[in-house]
PDB file of N, CA and C in Angstrom:
ATOM      1  N   LEU A   1    -118.172 -35.927 -42.183  1.00  0.00           N
ATOM      2  CA  LEU A   1    -117.026 -35.832 -41.293  1.00  0.00           C
ATOM      3  C   LEU A   1    -117.011 -34.480 -40.587  1.00  0.00           C
ATOM      4  N   VAL A   2    -117.504 -33.470 -41.229  1.00  0.00           N
ATOM      5  CA  VAL A   2    -117.488 -32.124 -40.662  1.00  0.00           C
ATOM      6  C   VAL A   2    -118.377 -32.037 -39.418  1.00  0.00           C
ATOM      7  N   GLN A   3    -119.448 -32.807 -39.384  1.00  0.00           N
ATOM      8  CA  GLN A   3    -120.433 -32.672 -38.324  1.00  0.00           C
ATOM      9  C   GLN A   3    -120.172 -33.574 -37.129  1.00  0.00           C
ATOM     10  N   CYS A   4    -119.053 -34.245 -37.051  1.00  0.00           N
ATOM     11  CA  CYS A   4    -118.818 -35.136 -35.924  1.00  0.00           C
ATOM     12  C   CYS A   4    -117.539 -34.746 -35.193  1.00  0.00           C
ATOM     13  N   GLU A   5    -117.358 -35.359 -34.031  1.00  0.00           N
ATOM     14  CA  GLU A   5    -116.204 -35.063 -33.194  1.00  0.00           C
ATOM     15  C   GLU A   5    -114.894 -35.458 -33.882  1.00  0.00           C
ATOM     16  N   LEU A   6    -114.945 -36.514 -34.682  1.00  0.00           N
ATOM     17  CA  LEU A   6    -113.756 -36.950 -35.402  1.00  0.00           C
ATOM     18  C   LEU A   6    -113.323 -35.898 -36.419  1.00  0.00           C
ATOM     19  N   GLY A   7    -114.293 -35.257 -37.071  1.00  0.00           N
ATOM     20  CA  GLY A   7    -113.976 -34.199 -38.023  1.00  0.00           C
ATOM     21  C   GLY A   7    -113.238 -33.046 -37.369  1.00  0.00           C
ATOM     22  N   ALA A   8    -113.660 -32.676 -36.170  1.00  0.00           N
ATOM     23  CA  ALA A   8    -112.982 -31.601 -35.437  1.00  0.00           C
ATOM     24  C   ALA A   8    -111.566 -32.015 -35.061  1.00  0.00           C
ATOM     25  N   LEU A   9    -111.395 -33.289 -34.709  1.00  0.00           N
ATOM     26  CA  LEU A   9    -110.068 -33.790 -34.355  1.00  0.00           C
ATOM     27  C   LEU A   9    -109.136 -33.757 -35.567  1.00  0.00           C
ATOM     28  N   VAL A  10    -109.637 -34.151 -36.719  1.00  0.00           N
ATOM     29  CA  VAL A  10    -108.842 -34.121 -37.953  1.00  0.00           C
ATOM     30  C   VAL A  10    -108.469 -32.680 -38.306  1.00  0.00           C
ATOM     31  N   ASP A  11    -109.390 -31.745 -38.122  1.00  0.00           N
ATOM     32  CA  ASP A  11    -109.114 -30.336 -38.415  1.00  0.00           C
ATOM     33  C   ASP A  11    -108.022 -29.756 -37.529  1.00  0.00           C
ATOM     34  N   ARG A  12    -107.821 -30.316 -36.339  1.00  0.00           N
ATOM     35  CA  ARG A  12    -106.810 -29.808 -35.408  1.00  0.00           C
ATOM     36  C   ARG A  12    -105.449 -30.475 -35.565  1.00  0.00           C
ATOM     37  N   LEU A  13    -105.308 -31.335 -36.570  1.00  0.00           N
ATOM     38  CA  LEU A  13    -104.003 -31.969 -36.793  1.00  0.00           C
ATOM     39  C   LEU A  13    -102.959 -30.909 -37.128  1.00  0.00           C
ATOM     40  N   PRO A  14    -101.704 -31.122 -36.701  1.00  0.00           N
ATOM     41  CA  PRO A  14    -100.637 -30.185 -37.067  1.00  0.00           C
ATOM     42  C   PRO A  14    -100.402 -30.215 -38.575  1.00  0.00           C
ATOM     43  N   LEU A  15     -99.759 -29.174 -39.084  1.00  0.00           N
ATOM     44  CA  LEU A  15     -99.404 -29.139 -40.503  1.00  0.00           C
ATOM     45  C   LEU A  15     -98.553 -30.349 -40.845  1.00  0.00           C
ATOM     46  N   ASN A  16     -98.650 -30.809 -42.050  1.00  0.00           N
ATOM     47  CA  ASN A  16     -97.925 -31.967 -42.573  1.00  0.00           C
ATOM     48  C   ASN A  16     -98.434 -33.302 -42.034  1.00  0.00           C
ATOM     49  N   TYR A  17     -99.536 -33.308 -41.281  1.00  0.00           N
ATOM     50  CA  TYR A  17    -100.180 -34.550 -40.852  1.00  0.00           C
ATOM     51  C   TYR A  17    -101.482 -34.686 -41.618  1.00  0.00           C
ATOM     52  N   VAL A  18    -101.734 -35.868 -42.147  1.00  0.00           N
ATOM     53  CA  VAL A  18    -102.950 -36.093 -42.930  1.00  0.00           C
ATOM     54  C   VAL A  18    -103.580 -37.423 -42.543  1.00  0.00           C
ATOM     55  N   THR A  19    -104.842 -37.562 -42.881  1.00  0.00           N
ATOM     56  CA  THR A  19    -105.539 -38.835 -42.767  1.00  0.00           C
ATOM     57  C   THR A  19    -105.928 -39.258 -44.179  1.00  0.00           C
ATOM     58  N   ILE A  20    -106.061 -40.541 -44.374  1.00  0.00           N
ATOM     59  CA  ILE A  20    -106.477 -41.044 -45.685  1.00  0.00           C
ATOM     60  C   ILE A  20    -107.948 -41.390 -45.587  1.00  0.00           C
ATOM     61  N   PHE A  21    -108.739 -40.752 -46.441  1.00  0.00           N
ATOM     62  CA  PHE A  21    -110.185 -40.916 -46.427  1.00  0.00           C
ATOM     63  C   PHE A  21    -110.625 -41.899 -47.497  1.00  0.00           C
ATOM     64  N   ASP A  22    -111.837 -42.350 -47.348  1.00  0.00           N
ATOM     65  CA  ASP A  22    -112.500 -43.110 -48.389  1.00  0.00           C
ATOM     66  C   ASP A  22    -112.758 -42.157 -49.558  1.00  0.00           C
ATOM     67  N   ALA A  23    -112.960 -42.702 -50.743  1.00  0.00           N
ATOM     68  CA  ALA A  23    -113.160 -41.883 -51.943  1.00  0.00           C
ATOM     69  C   ALA A  23    -114.437 -41.040 -51.872  1.00  0.00           C
ATOM     70  N   ALA A  24    -115.322 -41.318 -50.931  1.00  0.00           N
ATOM     71  CA  ALA A  24    -116.569 -40.553 -50.818  1.00  0.00           C
ATOM     72  C   ALA A  24    -116.331 -39.145 -50.270  1.00  0.00           C
ATOM     73  N   TYR A  25    -115.186 -38.905 -49.646  1.00  0.00           N
ATOM     74  CA  TYR A  25    -114.899 -37.604 -49.045  1.00  0.00           C
ATOM     75  C   TYR A  25    -114.061 -36.746 -49.977  1.00  0.00           C
ATOM     76  N   LEU A  26    -114.153 -35.460 -49.798  1.00  0.00           N
ATOM     77  CA  LEU A  26    -113.373 -34.512 -50.594  1.00  0.00           C
ATOM     78  C   LEU A  26    -111.996 -34.315 -49.984  1.00  0.00           C
ATOM     79  N   CYS A  27    -111.061 -33.943 -50.807  1.00  0.00           N
ATOM     80  CA  CYS A  27    -109.711 -33.639 -50.364  1.00  0.00           C
ATOM     81  C   CYS A  27    -109.742 -32.377 -49.494  1.00  0.00           C
ATOM     82  N   SER A  28    -108.945 -32.377 -48.431  1.00  0.00           N
ATOM     83  CA  SER A  28    -108.852 -31.205 -47.562  1.00  0.00           C
ATOM     84  C   SER A  28    -107.401 -31.033 -47.126  1.00  0.00           C
ATOM     85  N   VAL A  29    -107.141 -30.051 -46.300  1.00  0.00           N
ATOM     86  CA  VAL A  29    -105.777 -29.789 -45.831  1.00  0.00           C
ATOM     87  C   VAL A  29    -105.230 -31.000 -45.077  1.00  0.00           C
ATOM     88  N   HIS A  30    -106.082 -31.661 -44.305  1.00  0.00           N
ATOM     89  CA  HIS A  30    -105.638 -32.788 -43.490  1.00  0.00           C
ATOM     90  C   HIS A  30    -106.231 -34.115 -43.933  1.00  0.00           C
ATOM     91  N   GLY A  31    -106.847 -34.167 -45.087  1.00  0.00           N
ATOM     92  CA  GLY A  31    -107.448 -35.411 -45.546  1.00  0.00           C
ATOM     93  C   GLY A  31    -107.230 -35.655 -47.021  1.00  0.00           C
ATOM     94  N   ILE A  32    -106.731 -36.842 -47.340  1.00  0.00           N
ATOM     95  CA  ILE A  32    -106.494 -37.218 -48.724  1.00  0.00           C
ATOM     96  C   ILE A  32    -107.372 -38.422 -49.044  1.00  0.00           C
ATOM     97  N   PRO A  33    -108.281 -38.279 -49.995  1.00  0.00           N
ATOM     98  CA  PRO A  33    -109.108 -39.436 -50.355  1.00  0.00           C
ATOM     99  C   PRO A  33    -108.355 -40.379 -51.297  1.00  0.00           C
ATOM    100  N   LEU A  34    -108.764 -41.633 -51.290  1.00  0.00           N
ATOM    101  CA  LEU A  34    -108.219 -42.583 -52.253  1.00  0.00           C
ATOM    102  C   LEU A  34    -108.708 -42.203 -53.646  1.00  0.00           C
ATOM    103  N   TYR A  35    -107.962 -42.580 -54.658  1.00  0.00           N
ATOM    104  CA  TYR A  35    -108.350 -42.294 -56.036  1.00  0.00           C
ATOM    105  C   TYR A  35    -109.420 -43.284 -56.483  1.00  0.00           C
ATOM    106  N   PHE A  36    -110.309 -42.832 -57.338  1.00  0.00           N
ATOM    107  CA  PHE A  36    -111.358 -43.691 -57.864  1.00  0.00           C
ATOM    108  C   PHE A  36    -111.675 -43.280 -59.294  1.00  0.00           C
ATOM    109  N   GLY A  37    -112.487 -44.071 -59.971  1.00  0.00           N
ATOM    110  CA  GLY A  37    -112.904 -43.750 -61.332  1.00  0.00           C
ATOM    111  C   GLY A  37    -111.741 -43.776 -62.307  1.00  0.00           C
ATOM    112  N   VAL A  38    -111.718 -42.808 -63.201  1.00  0.00           N
ATOM    113  CA  VAL A  38    -110.686 -42.724 -64.243  1.00  0.00           C
ATOM    114  C   VAL A  38    -109.311 -42.488 -63.624  1.00  0.00           C
ATOM    115  N   ASP A  39    -109.258 -41.737 -62.514  1.00  0.00           N
ATOM    116  CA  ASP A  39    -107.970 -41.453 -61.866  1.00  0.00           C
ATOM    117  C   ASP A  39    -107.257 -42.734 -61.447  1.00  0.00           C
ATOM    118  N   LYS A  40    -108.020 -43.753 -61.116  1.00  0.00           N
ATOM    119  CA  LYS A  40    -107.445 -45.011 -60.654  1.00  0.00           C
ATOM    120  C   LYS A  40    -106.590 -45.687 -61.726  1.00  0.00           C
ATOM    121  N   GLU A  41    -106.837 -45.375 -62.990  1.00  0.00           N
ATOM    122  CA  GLU A  41    -106.098 -45.997 -64.091  1.00  0.00           C
ATOM    123  C   GLU A  41    -104.691 -45.426 -64.249  1.00  0.00           C
ATOM    124  N   ASN A  42    -104.450 -44.240 -63.671  1.00  0.00           N
ATOM    125  CA  ASN A  42    -103.121 -43.640 -63.694  1.00  0.00           C
ATOM    126  C   ASN A  42    -102.208 -44.481 -62.784  1.00  0.00           C
ATOM    127  N   PRO A  43    -101.022 -44.911 -63.275  1.00  0.00           N
ATOM    128  CA  PRO A  43    -100.140 -45.750 -62.449  1.00  0.00           C
ATOM    129  C   PRO A  43     -99.765 -45.111 -61.110  1.00  0.00           C
ATOM    130  N   PHE A  44     -99.539 -43.805 -61.078  1.00  0.00           N
ATOM    131  CA  PHE A  44     -99.210 -43.132 -59.818  1.00  0.00           C
ATOM    132  C   PHE A  44    -100.361 -43.270 -58.825  1.00  0.00           C
ATOM    133  N   CYS A  45    -101.578 -43.021 -59.287  1.00  0.00           N
ATOM    134  CA  CYS A  45    -102.761 -43.100 -58.423  1.00  0.00           C
ATOM    135  C   CYS A  45    -103.005 -44.529 -57.969  1.00  0.00           C
ATOM    136  N   ASP A  46    -102.782 -45.474 -58.877  1.00  0.00           N
ATOM    137  CA  ASP A  46    -102.964 -46.877 -58.533  1.00  0.00           C
ATOM    138  C   ASP A  46    -101.946 -47.299 -57.467  1.00  0.00           C
ATOM    139  N   ASN A  47    -100.712 -46.832 -57.604  1.00  0.00           N
ATOM    140  CA  ASN A  47     -99.689 -47.132 -56.594  1.00  0.00           C
ATOM    141  C   ASN A  47    -100.058 -46.532 -55.242  1.00  0.00           C
ATOM    142  N   PHE A  48    -100.532 -45.291 -55.251  1.00  0.00           N
ATOM    143  CA  PHE A  48    -100.945 -44.651 -54.005  1.00  0.00           C
ATOM    144  C   PHE A  48    -102.034 -45.471 -53.331  1.00  0.00           C
ATOM    145  N   ASN A  49    -103.051 -45.862 -54.096  1.00  0.00           N
ATOM    146  CA  ASN A  49    -104.144 -46.660 -53.545  1.00  0.00           C
ATOM    147  C   ASN A  49    -103.640 -47.993 -52.989  1.00  0.00           C
ATOM    148  N   PHE A  50    -102.703 -48.622 -53.711  1.00  0.00           N
ATOM    149  CA  PHE A  50    -102.169 -49.910 -53.263  1.00  0.00           C
ATOM    150  C   PHE A  50    -101.453 -49.763 -51.928  1.00  0.00           C
ATOM    151  N   PHE A  51    -100.546 -48.791 -51.825  1.00  0.00           N
ATOM    152  CA  PHE A  51     -99.779 -48.639 -50.594  1.00  0.00           C
ATOM    153  C   PHE A  51    -100.650 -48.145 -49.437  1.00  0.00           C
ATOM    154  N   ALA A  52    -101.616 -47.288 -49.727  1.00  0.00           N
ATOM    155  CA  ALA A  52    -102.554 -46.855 -48.688  1.00  0.00           C
ATOM    156  C   ALA A  52    -103.358 -48.048 -48.185  1.00  0.00           C
ATOM    157  N   SER A  53    -103.751 -48.914 -49.085  1.00  0.00           N
ATOM    158  CA  SER A  53    -104.491 -50.117 -48.714  1.00  0.00           C
ATOM    159  C   SER A  53    -103.632 -51.044 -47.858  1.00  0.00           C
ATOM    160  N   GLN A  54    -102.361 -51.186 -48.214  1.00  0.00           N
ATOM    161  CA  GLN A  54    -101.458 -52.031 -47.427  1.00  0.00           C
ATOM    162  C   GLN A  54    -101.297 -51.489 -46.006  1.00  0.00           C
ATOM    163  N   LEU A  55    -101.183 -50.175 -45.868  1.00  0.00           N
ATOM    164  CA  LEU A  55    -101.080 -49.571 -44.535  1.00  0.00           C
ATOM    165  C   LEU A  55    -102.349 -49.813 -43.736  1.00  0.00           C
ATOM    166  N   ARG A  56    -103.475 -49.668 -44.388  1.00  0.00           N
ATOM    167  CA  ARG A  56    -104.762 -49.877 -43.730  1.00  0.00           C
ATOM    168  C   ARG A  56    -104.904 -51.325 -43.249  1.00  0.00           C
ATOM    169  N   ILE A  57    -104.469 -52.272 -44.062  1.00  0.00           N
ATOM    170  CA  ILE A  57    -104.519 -53.684 -43.675  1.00  0.00           C
ATOM    171  C   ILE A  57    -103.661 -53.928 -42.442  1.00  0.00           C
ATOM    172  N   ARG A  58    -102.459 -53.364 -42.407  1.00  0.00           N
ATOM    173  CA  ARG A  58    -101.565 -53.551 -41.247  1.00  0.00           C
ATOM    174  C   ARG A  58    -102.175 -52.957 -39.976  1.00  0.00           C
ATOM    175  N   ILE A  59    -102.802 -51.799 -40.106  1.00  0.00           N
ATOM    176  CA  ILE A  59    -103.439 -51.178 -38.944  1.00  0.00           C
ATOM    177  C   ILE A  59    -104.601 -52.032 -38.458  1.00  0.00           C
ATOM    178  N   GLU A  60    -105.402 -52.548 -39.385  1.00  0.00           N
ATOM    179  CA  GLU A  60    -106.512 -53.419 -39.000  1.00  0.00           C
ATOM    180  C   GLU A  60    -106.007 -54.697 -38.337  1.00  0.00           C
ATOM    181  N   MET A  61    -104.893 -55.238 -38.819  1.00  0.00           N
ATOM    182  CA  MET A  61    -104.317 -56.434 -38.206  1.00  0.00           C
ATOM    183  C   MET A  61    -103.846 -56.140 -36.787  1.00  0.00           C
ATOM    184  N   ALA A  62    -103.218 -54.980 -36.594  1.00  0.00           N
ATOM    185  CA  ALA A  62    -102.749 -54.609 -35.251  1.00  0.00           C
ATOM    186  C   ALA A  62    -103.923 -54.463 -34.289  1.00  0.00           C
ATOM    187  N   PHE A  63    -105.003 -53.825 -34.746  1.00  0.00           N
ATOM    188  CA  PHE A  63    -106.173 -53.693 -33.888  1.00  0.00           C
ATOM    189  C   PHE A  63    -106.802 -55.051 -33.611  1.00  0.00           C
ATOM    190  N   GLY A  64    -106.769 -55.952 -34.598  1.00  0.00           N
ATOM    191  CA  GLY A  64    -107.282 -57.299 -34.390  1.00  0.00           C
ATOM    192  C   GLY A  64    -106.513 -58.030 -33.306  1.00  0.00           C
ATOM    193  N   LEU A  65    -105.189 -57.908 -33.330  1.00  0.00           N
ATOM    194  CA  LEU A  65    -104.364 -58.527 -32.296  1.00  0.00           C
ATOM    195  C   LEU A  65    -104.649 -57.925 -30.926  1.00  0.00           C
ATOM    196  N   MET A  66    -104.776 -56.603 -30.868  1.00  0.00           N
ATOM    197  CA  MET A  66    -105.072 -55.949 -29.587  1.00  0.00           C
ATOM    198  C   MET A  66    -106.458 -56.339 -29.088  1.00  0.00           C
ATOM    199  N   TYR A  67    -107.402 -56.466 -30.002  1.00  0.00           N
ATOM    200  CA  TYR A  67    -108.764 -56.850 -29.640  1.00  0.00           C
ATOM    201  C   TYR A  67    -108.786 -58.240 -29.025  1.00  0.00           C
ATOM    202  N   GLN A  68    -108.055 -59.163 -29.654  1.00  0.00           N
ATOM    203  CA  GLN A  68    -108.037 -60.533 -29.161  1.00  0.00           C
ATOM    204  C   GLN A  68    -107.358 -60.647 -27.799  1.00  0.00           C
ATOM    205  N   LYS A  69    -106.313 -59.869 -27.595  1.00  0.00           N
ATOM    206  CA  LYS A  69    -105.518 -60.007 -26.376  1.00  0.00           C
ATOM    207  C   LYS A  69    -106.101 -59.259 -25.179  1.00  0.00           C
ATOM    208  N   TRP A  70    -106.700 -58.100 -25.414  1.00  0.00           N
ATOM    209  CA  TRP A  70    -107.147 -57.260 -24.316  1.00  0.00           C
ATOM    210  C   TRP A  70    -108.668 -57.093 -24.347  1.00  0.00           C
ATOM    211  N   GLY A  71    -109.306 -57.526 -23.302  1.00  0.00           N
ATOM    212  CA  GLY A  71    -110.771 -57.496 -23.205  1.00  0.00           C
ATOM    213  C   GLY A  71    -111.369 -56.104 -23.183  1.00  0.00           C
ATOM    214  N   VAL A  72    -110.569 -55.076 -22.951  1.00  0.00           N
ATOM    215  CA  VAL A  72    -111.098 -53.713 -22.899  1.00  0.00           C
ATOM    216  C   VAL A  72    -111.718 -53.303 -24.232  1.00  0.00           C
ATOM    217  N   LEU A  73    -111.299 -53.965 -25.302  1.00  0.00           N
ATOM    218  CA  LEU A  73    -111.832 -53.632 -26.624  1.00  0.00           C
ATOM    219  C   LEU A  73    -113.021 -54.504 -27.029  1.00  0.00           C
ATOM    220  N   TRP A  74    -113.469 -55.403 -26.150  1.00  0.00           N
ATOM    221  CA  TRP A  74    -114.555 -56.313 -26.491  1.00  0.00           C
ATOM    222  C   TRP A  74    -115.915 -55.646 -26.484  1.00  0.00           C
ATOM    223  N   LYS A  75    -116.009 -54.481 -25.870  1.00  0.00           N
ATOM    224  CA  LYS A  75    -117.277 -53.747 -25.859  1.00  0.00           C
ATOM    225  C   LYS A  75    -116.977 -52.265 -26.050  1.00  0.00           C
ATOM    226  N   PRO A  76    -117.972 -51.474 -26.413  1.00  0.00           N
ATOM    227  CA  PRO A  76    -117.717 -50.040 -26.652  1.00  0.00           C
ATOM    228  C   PRO A  76    -117.131 -49.356 -25.414  1.00  0.00           C
ATOM    229  N   MET A  77    -116.106 -48.552 -25.656  1.00  0.00           N
ATOM    230  CA  MET A  77    -115.487 -47.804 -24.560  1.00  0.00           C
ATOM    231  C   MET A  77    -116.190 -46.458 -24.405  1.00  0.00           C
ATOM    232  N   ARG A  78    -116.351 -46.045 -23.207  1.00  0.00           N
ATOM    233  CA  ARG A  78    -116.934 -44.731 -22.930  1.00  0.00           C
ATOM    234  C   ARG A  78    -115.793 -43.780 -22.579  1.00  0.00           C
ATOM    235  N   VAL A  79    -115.094 -43.371 -23.626  1.00  0.00           N
ATOM    236  CA  VAL A  79    -113.939 -42.501 -23.442  1.00  0.00           C
ATOM    237  C   VAL A  79    -114.032 -41.366 -24.459  1.00  0.00           C
ATOM    238  N   ASN A  80    -113.628 -40.186 -24.038  1.00  0.00           N
ATOM    239  CA  ASN A  80    -113.616 -39.026 -24.920  1.00  0.00           C
ATOM    240  C   ASN A  80    -112.659 -39.300 -26.075  1.00  0.00           C
ATOM    241  N   ILE A  81    -113.023 -38.871 -27.262  1.00  0.00           N
ATOM    242  CA  ILE A  81    -112.198 -39.136 -28.447  1.00  0.00           C
ATOM    243  C   ILE A  81    -110.792 -38.546 -28.299  1.00  0.00           C
ATOM    244  N   GLU A  82    -110.650 -37.509 -27.509  1.00  0.00           N
ATOM    245  CA  GLU A  82    -109.322 -36.922 -27.275  1.00  0.00           C
ATOM    246  C   GLU A  82    -108.408 -37.905 -26.532  1.00  0.00           C
ATOM    247  N   ASN A  83    -108.985 -38.831 -25.769  1.00  0.00           N
ATOM    248  CA  ASN A  83    -108.204 -39.768 -24.963  1.00  0.00           C
ATOM    249  C   ASN A  83    -108.018 -41.128 -25.624  1.00  0.00           C
ATOM    250  N   VAL A  84    -108.607 -41.327 -26.782  1.00  0.00           N
ATOM    251  CA  VAL A  84    -108.492 -42.617 -27.473  1.00  0.00           C
ATOM    252  C   VAL A  84    -107.033 -42.923 -27.783  1.00  0.00           C
ATOM    253  N   ARG A  85    -106.287 -41.917 -28.184  1.00  0.00           N
ATOM    254  CA  ARG A  85    -104.869 -42.115 -28.511  1.00  0.00           C
ATOM    255  C   ARG A  85    -104.122 -42.702 -27.315  1.00  0.00           C
ATOM    256  N   CYS A  86    -104.389 -42.179 -26.118  1.00  0.00           N
ATOM    257  CA  CYS A  86    -103.718 -42.676 -24.905  1.00  0.00           C
ATOM    258  C   CYS A  86    -104.108 -44.124 -24.621  1.00  0.00           C
ATOM    259  N   VAL A  87    -105.374 -44.462 -24.802  1.00  0.00           N
ATOM    260  CA  VAL A  87    -105.839 -45.824 -24.562  1.00  0.00           C
ATOM    261  C   VAL A  87    -105.164 -46.787 -25.551  1.00  0.00           C
ATOM    262  N   VAL A  88    -105.135 -46.419 -26.824  1.00  0.00           N
ATOM    263  CA  VAL A  88    -104.543 -47.284 -27.843  1.00  0.00           C
ATOM    264  C   VAL A  88    -103.042 -47.425 -27.609  1.00  0.00           C
ATOM    265  N   GLN A  89    -102.370 -46.348 -27.230  1.00  0.00           N
ATOM    266  CA  GLN A  89    -100.939 -46.425 -26.943  1.00  0.00           C
ATOM    267  C   GLN A  89    -100.673 -47.336 -25.755  1.00  0.00           C
ATOM    268  N   ALA A  90    -101.484 -47.232 -24.720  1.00  0.00           N
ATOM    269  CA  ALA A  90    -101.297 -48.082 -23.536  1.00  0.00           C
ATOM    270  C   ALA A  90    -101.491 -49.549 -23.896  1.00  0.00           C
ATOM    271  N   ILE A  91    -102.521 -49.858 -24.664  1.00  0.00           N
ATOM    272  CA  ILE A  91    -102.767 -51.235 -25.077  1.00  0.00           C
ATOM    273  C   ILE A  91    -101.632 -51.734 -25.956  1.00  0.00           C
ATOM    274  N   GLY A  92    -101.154 -50.891 -26.864  1.00  0.00           N
ATOM    275  CA  GLY A  92    -100.050 -51.270 -27.753  1.00  0.00           C
ATOM    276  C   GLY A  92     -98.761 -51.532 -27.002  1.00  0.00           C
ATOM    277  N   ARG A  93     -98.523 -50.792 -25.948  1.00  0.00           N
ATOM    278  CA  ARG A  93     -97.286 -50.993 -25.171  1.00  0.00           C
ATOM    279  C   ARG A  93     -97.357 -52.210 -24.265  1.00  0.00           C
ATOM    280  N   LEU A  94     -98.568 -52.568 -23.866  1.00  0.00           N
ATOM    281  CA  LEU A  94     -98.706 -53.758 -23.024  1.00  0.00           C
ATOM    282  C   LEU A  94     -98.400 -54.995 -23.831  1.00  0.00           C
TER     283      LEU A  94
END
């Protein structure tokens, strides 16, 4: 994540904003990985993983609906990662 444009974008998030990472990544100021291994057996960690998973499912469903409705998502977009937020917001508002 450190070596890509997305990593730089995550590093520039304001304080108190975080992203949820896969368990393969380390915890950082702006990134919280899902719990795995022995930690997963702790009820608090299991609850966190469950609710994070539910949020992820809802986001994937929303993108699925946008993909089906708007052809702009049918092929790779050639847009700077800084502008992706604007594109997704425009599609969501339509």
